């Protein structure tokens, strides 16, 4: 049985407080969830750690996560202790599923 459906046409992106970074939450429960994140070219998300594991699939564009550069179709998994920043090298969108949230450093 399907328990949750979010259709693309009804998926708003909202500002995150980080210039050039917007988010469309698919579901969220007790700090866990999944989202679509859009970065404009040159946008940055600051140095951060993770409360739990997160899985990312790049849908379009190219982003640098720490010392790794990922492009459309690539998969990335991070977790506690995987401290990194993120910078969009071009306009980009990715899907993220996470347990817990990001803990911004400094």
C-alpha atoms as a PDB file:
ATOM      1  CA  UNK A   1       0.000   0.000   0.000  1.00  0.00           C
ATOM      2  CA  UNK A   2       1.293   3.459  -0.893  1.00  0.00           C
ATOM      3  CA  UNK A   3       1.584   5.541   2.278  1.00  0.00           C
ATOM      4  CA  UNK A   4       2.784   8.894   0.920  1.00  0.00           C
ATOM      5  CA  UNK A   5       2.649  10.676  -2.430  1.00  0.00           C
ATOM      6  CA  UNK A   6       3.994  14.136  -3.190  1.00  0.00           C
ATOM      7  CA  UNK A   7       3.397  15.240  -6.762  1.00  0.00           C
ATOM      8  CA  UNK A   8       5.967  17.424  -8.520  1.00  0.00           C
ATOM      9  CA  UNK A   9       3.389  20.000  -9.627  1.00  0.00           C
ATOM     10  CA  UNK A  10       2.510  20.667  -5.982  1.00  0.00           C
ATOM     11  CA  UNK A  11       6.048  20.761  -4.640  1.00  0.00           C
ATOM     12  CA  UNK A  12       7.041  24.297  -3.571  1.00  0.00           C
ATOM     13  CA  UNK A  13      10.663  25.210  -2.920  1.00  0.00           C
ATOM     14  CA  UNK A  14      11.244  27.561   0.030  1.00  0.00           C
ATOM     15  CA  UNK A  15      14.205  29.661   1.089  1.00  0.00           C
ATOM     16  CA  UNK A  16      16.567  28.020   3.587  1.00  0.00           C
ATOM     17  CA  UNK A  17      18.316  31.109   4.930  1.00  0.00           C
ATOM     18  CA  UNK A  18      21.403  30.222   2.910  1.00  0.00           C
ATOM     19  CA  UNK A  19      21.596  32.404  -0.245  1.00  0.00           C
ATOM     20  CA  UNK A  20      20.887  30.434  -3.413  1.00  0.00           C
ATOM     21  CA  UNK A  21      19.770  27.288  -1.557  1.00  0.00           C
ATOM     22  CA  UNK A  22      16.086  26.273  -1.513  1.00  0.00           C
ATOM     23  CA  UNK A  23      14.341  23.187  -0.161  1.00  0.00           C
ATOM     24  CA  UNK A  24      11.193  21.222  -0.896  1.00  0.00           C
ATOM     25  CA  UNK A  25      10.402  18.870   1.990  1.00  0.00           C
ATOM     26  CA  UNK A  26       8.794  15.609   0.893  1.00  0.00           C
ATOM     27  CA  UNK A  27       8.176  14.277   4.395  1.00  0.00           C
ATOM     28  CA  UNK A  28       9.510  14.959   7.860  1.00  0.00           C
ATOM     29  CA  UNK A  29       9.024  13.117  11.124  1.00  0.00           C
ATOM     30  CA  UNK A  30      11.026  13.556  14.348  1.00  0.00           C
ATOM     31  CA  UNK A  31      14.010  15.106  12.528  1.00  0.00           C
ATOM     32  CA  UNK A  32      14.097  12.392   9.871  1.00  0.00           C
ATOM     33  CA  UNK A  33      12.895  12.967   6.339  1.00  0.00           C
ATOM     34  CA  UNK A  34      13.528  13.467   2.670  1.00  0.00           C
ATOM     35  CA  UNK A  35      13.823  16.610   0.620  1.00  0.00           C
ATOM     36  CA  UNK A  36      14.672  18.013  -2.767  1.00  0.00           C
ATOM     37  CA  UNK A  37      17.405  20.655  -2.442  1.00  0.00           C
ATOM     38  CA  UNK A  38      18.170  23.186  -5.181  1.00  0.00           C
ATOM     39  CA  UNK A  39      21.416  25.172  -5.350  1.00  0.00           C
ATOM     40  CA  UNK A  40      22.078  28.084  -7.704  1.00  0.00           C
ATOM     41  CA  UNK A  41      25.583  28.045  -9.214  1.00  0.00           C
ATOM     42  CA  UNK A  42      28.034  29.384  -6.624  1.00  0.00           C
ATOM     43  CA  UNK A  43      25.691  28.835  -3.649  1.00  0.00           C
ATOM     44  CA  UNK A  44      27.272  27.377  -0.528  1.00  0.00           C
ATOM     45  CA  UNK A  45      26.071  25.422   2.490  1.00  0.00           C
ATOM     46  CA  UNK A  46      28.483  25.894   5.421  1.00  0.00           C
ATOM     47  CA  UNK A  47      30.721  23.363   7.117  1.00  0.00           C
ATOM     48  CA  UNK A  48      28.512  20.843   8.919  1.00  0.00           C
ATOM     49  CA  UNK A  49      28.319  17.384  10.484  1.00  0.00           C
ATOM     50  CA  UNK A  50      25.379  14.968  10.538  1.00  0.00           C
ATOM     51  CA  UNK A  51      23.240  13.601  13.371  1.00  0.00           C
ATOM     52  CA  UNK A  52      22.750  10.376  11.407  1.00  0.00           C
ATOM     53  CA  UNK A  53      23.191   8.922   7.935  1.00  0.00           C
ATOM     54  CA  UNK A  54      22.087  10.751   4.826  1.00  0.00           C
ATOM     55  CA  UNK A  55      21.842   9.541   1.246  1.00  0.00           C
ATOM     56  CA  UNK A  56      21.974  11.909  -1.716  1.00  0.00           C
ATOM     57  CA  UNK A  57      21.213  11.361  -5.405  1.00  0.00           C
ATOM     58  CA  UNK A  58      22.192  14.216  -7.719  1.00  0.00           C
ATOM     59  CA  UNK A  59      19.375  14.867 -10.186  1.00  0.00           C
ATOM     60  CA  UNK A  60      20.972  17.700 -12.153  1.00  0.00           C
ATOM     61  CA  UNK A  61      24.061  19.865 -12.088  1.00  0.00           C
ATOM     62  CA  UNK A  62      27.360  19.482 -10.260  1.00  0.00           C
ATOM     63  CA  UNK A  63      28.134  20.041  -6.556  1.00  0.00           C
ATOM     64  CA  UNK A  64      31.300  19.808  -4.487  1.00  0.00           C
ATOM     65  CA  UNK A  65      30.734  18.136  -1.094  1.00  0.00           C
ATOM     66  CA  UNK A  66      34.001  18.593   0.818  1.00  0.00           C
ATOM     67  CA  UNK A  67      36.658  17.163  -1.511  1.00  0.00           C
ATOM     68  CA  UNK A  68      34.184  15.133  -3.628  1.00  0.00           C
ATOM     69  CA  UNK A  69      32.604  16.492  -6.813  1.00  0.00           C
ATOM     70  CA  UNK A  70      29.345  14.813  -7.797  1.00  0.00           C
ATOM     71  CA  UNK A  71      27.250  15.159 -10.948  1.00  0.00           C
ATOM     72  CA  UNK A  72      23.800  14.151 -12.184  1.00  0.00           C
ATOM     73  CA  UNK A  73      23.193  10.453 -11.499  1.00  0.00           C
ATOM     74  CA  UNK A  74      25.843  10.187  -8.760  1.00  0.00           C
ATOM     75  CA  UNK A  75      25.062   8.831  -5.266  1.00  0.00           C
ATOM     76  CA  UNK A  76      26.681  10.029  -2.032  1.00  0.00           C
ATOM     77  CA  UNK A  77      26.283   8.721   1.520  1.00  0.00           C
ATOM     78  CA  UNK A  78      27.472  10.634   4.595  1.00  0.00           C
ATOM     79  CA  UNK A  79      27.024  10.226   8.317  1.00  0.00           C
ATOM     80  CA  UNK A  80      28.212  11.408  11.719  1.00  0.00           C
ATOM     81  CA  UNK A  81      31.843  12.528  11.548  1.00  0.00           C
ATOM     82  CA  UNK A  82      31.699  13.234   7.797  1.00  0.00           C
ATOM     83  CA  UNK A  83      32.192  16.987   8.269  1.00  0.00           C
ATOM     84  CA  UNK A  84      32.090  18.939   5.003  1.00  0.00           C
ATOM     85  CA  UNK A  85      30.713  21.994   3.252  1.00  0.00           C
ATOM     86  CA  UNK A  86      28.871  22.075  -0.086  1.00  0.00           C
ATOM     87  CA  UNK A  87      29.230  24.380  -3.098  1.00  0.00           C
ATOM     88  CA  UNK A  88      27.260  24.281  -6.332  1.00  0.00           C
ATOM     89  CA  UNK A  89      29.571  24.375  -9.338  1.00  0.00           C
ATOM     90  CA  UNK A  90      26.480  24.853 -11.536  1.00  0.00           C
ATOM     91  CA  UNK A  91      22.720  25.100 -10.954  1.00  0.00           C
ATOM     92  CA  UNK A  92      21.907  21.788  -9.263  1.00  0.00           C
ATOM     93  CA  UNK A  93      19.109  19.754  -7.683  1.00  0.00           C
ATOM     94  CA  UNK A  94      19.471  16.683  -5.492  1.00  0.00           C
ATOM     95  CA  UNK A  95      17.262  14.348  -3.485  1.00  0.00           C
ATOM     96  CA  UNK A  96      18.290  13.656   0.105  1.00  0.00           C
ATOM     97  CA  UNK A  97      16.955  11.109   2.611  1.00  0.00           C
ATOM     98  CA  UNK A  98      18.243  11.595   6.165  1.00  0.00           C
ATOM     99  CA  UNK A  99      18.068  10.375   9.738  1.00  0.00           C
ATOM    100  CA  UNK A 100      18.455  13.454  11.912  1.00  0.00           C
ATOM    101  CA  UNK A 101      19.676  16.758  10.570  1.00  0.00           C
ATOM    102  CA  UNK A 102      22.758  18.727   9.664  1.00  0.00           C
ATOM    103  CA  UNK A 103      24.737  20.348  12.487  1.00  0.00           C
ATOM    104  CA  UNK A 104      26.305  23.570  11.219  1.00  0.00           C
ATOM    105  CA  UNK A 105      29.822  24.173  12.582  1.00  0.00           C
ATOM    106  CA  UNK A 106      30.855  27.645  13.724  1.00  0.00           C
END
